[in-house]
Amino acid sequence: MKIIRTTYVNPAFQELVGHLNEDLAQRDGKDHPLAQFNEITHLKHVVVVYLKNKAVGCGAIAKTDLSAMEIKRMYVTPAHRGQKLGEKILTELENWTKELGHSKCILFMGANQPEALKLYLRNNFSIIENYGKLKDIPDSICLAKTLT
C-alpha cells in the first residue's frame, strides 16, 4: 500500500471522486442538497491510496472559516472496503492537518452513509450541531475531532 499527497488535478483522484459522486447519487438521489458541495477544484490537500499501483481510495482536507480543516471526498472502492483503508486515509488527513498548524477536523456527510458514520465514530469524531449552510439540510450529519 502507498499513500501519496497530491492536489485535485491528480487524475486518479478525479476518477475516484466520479465513483463517489455516482455512489452518493444512488444513495441520496442526484438532486440531493449536499451535492452542491461536491466541487473539487479548490482542494489543494488530497491523498490517494494505491494498492499494487491501482488507486483504490482517496480523501482531502480544505481550510474553513471555523479554524479547522474540513475532511472532504473520502472514498474507498467497494472491492477494497473492509481493509481499514478508510482509517489509513483519515489518519493521513489528520496528520496533514496537524502539519498545517490546525488542531481540529470537521466534516459533514449524508445520513444515508452508515458505514462512513461508523468509521468516523470509531476514530473519535463526535456528532456536532450542523454548521454553515448545512443547518438547512435536515439529513446531513456534522462531526468534529480535536487532534492531539
Foldseek 3Di string as FASTA:
>chain_A
DDKDWFAPVPPLLVVQLVVVLVVVCVQPNNPAPVVVVSDRNQFGTKMFDDDPNHTFWIWTWDDDPPQFIEIDSTDGHPVPPPVCVSVVRVVVRCVVRVVVPGFKYKYKDFLRCVVVVVVCVVVPKDWDQDDDPCNPRVRMTMTMDGHD
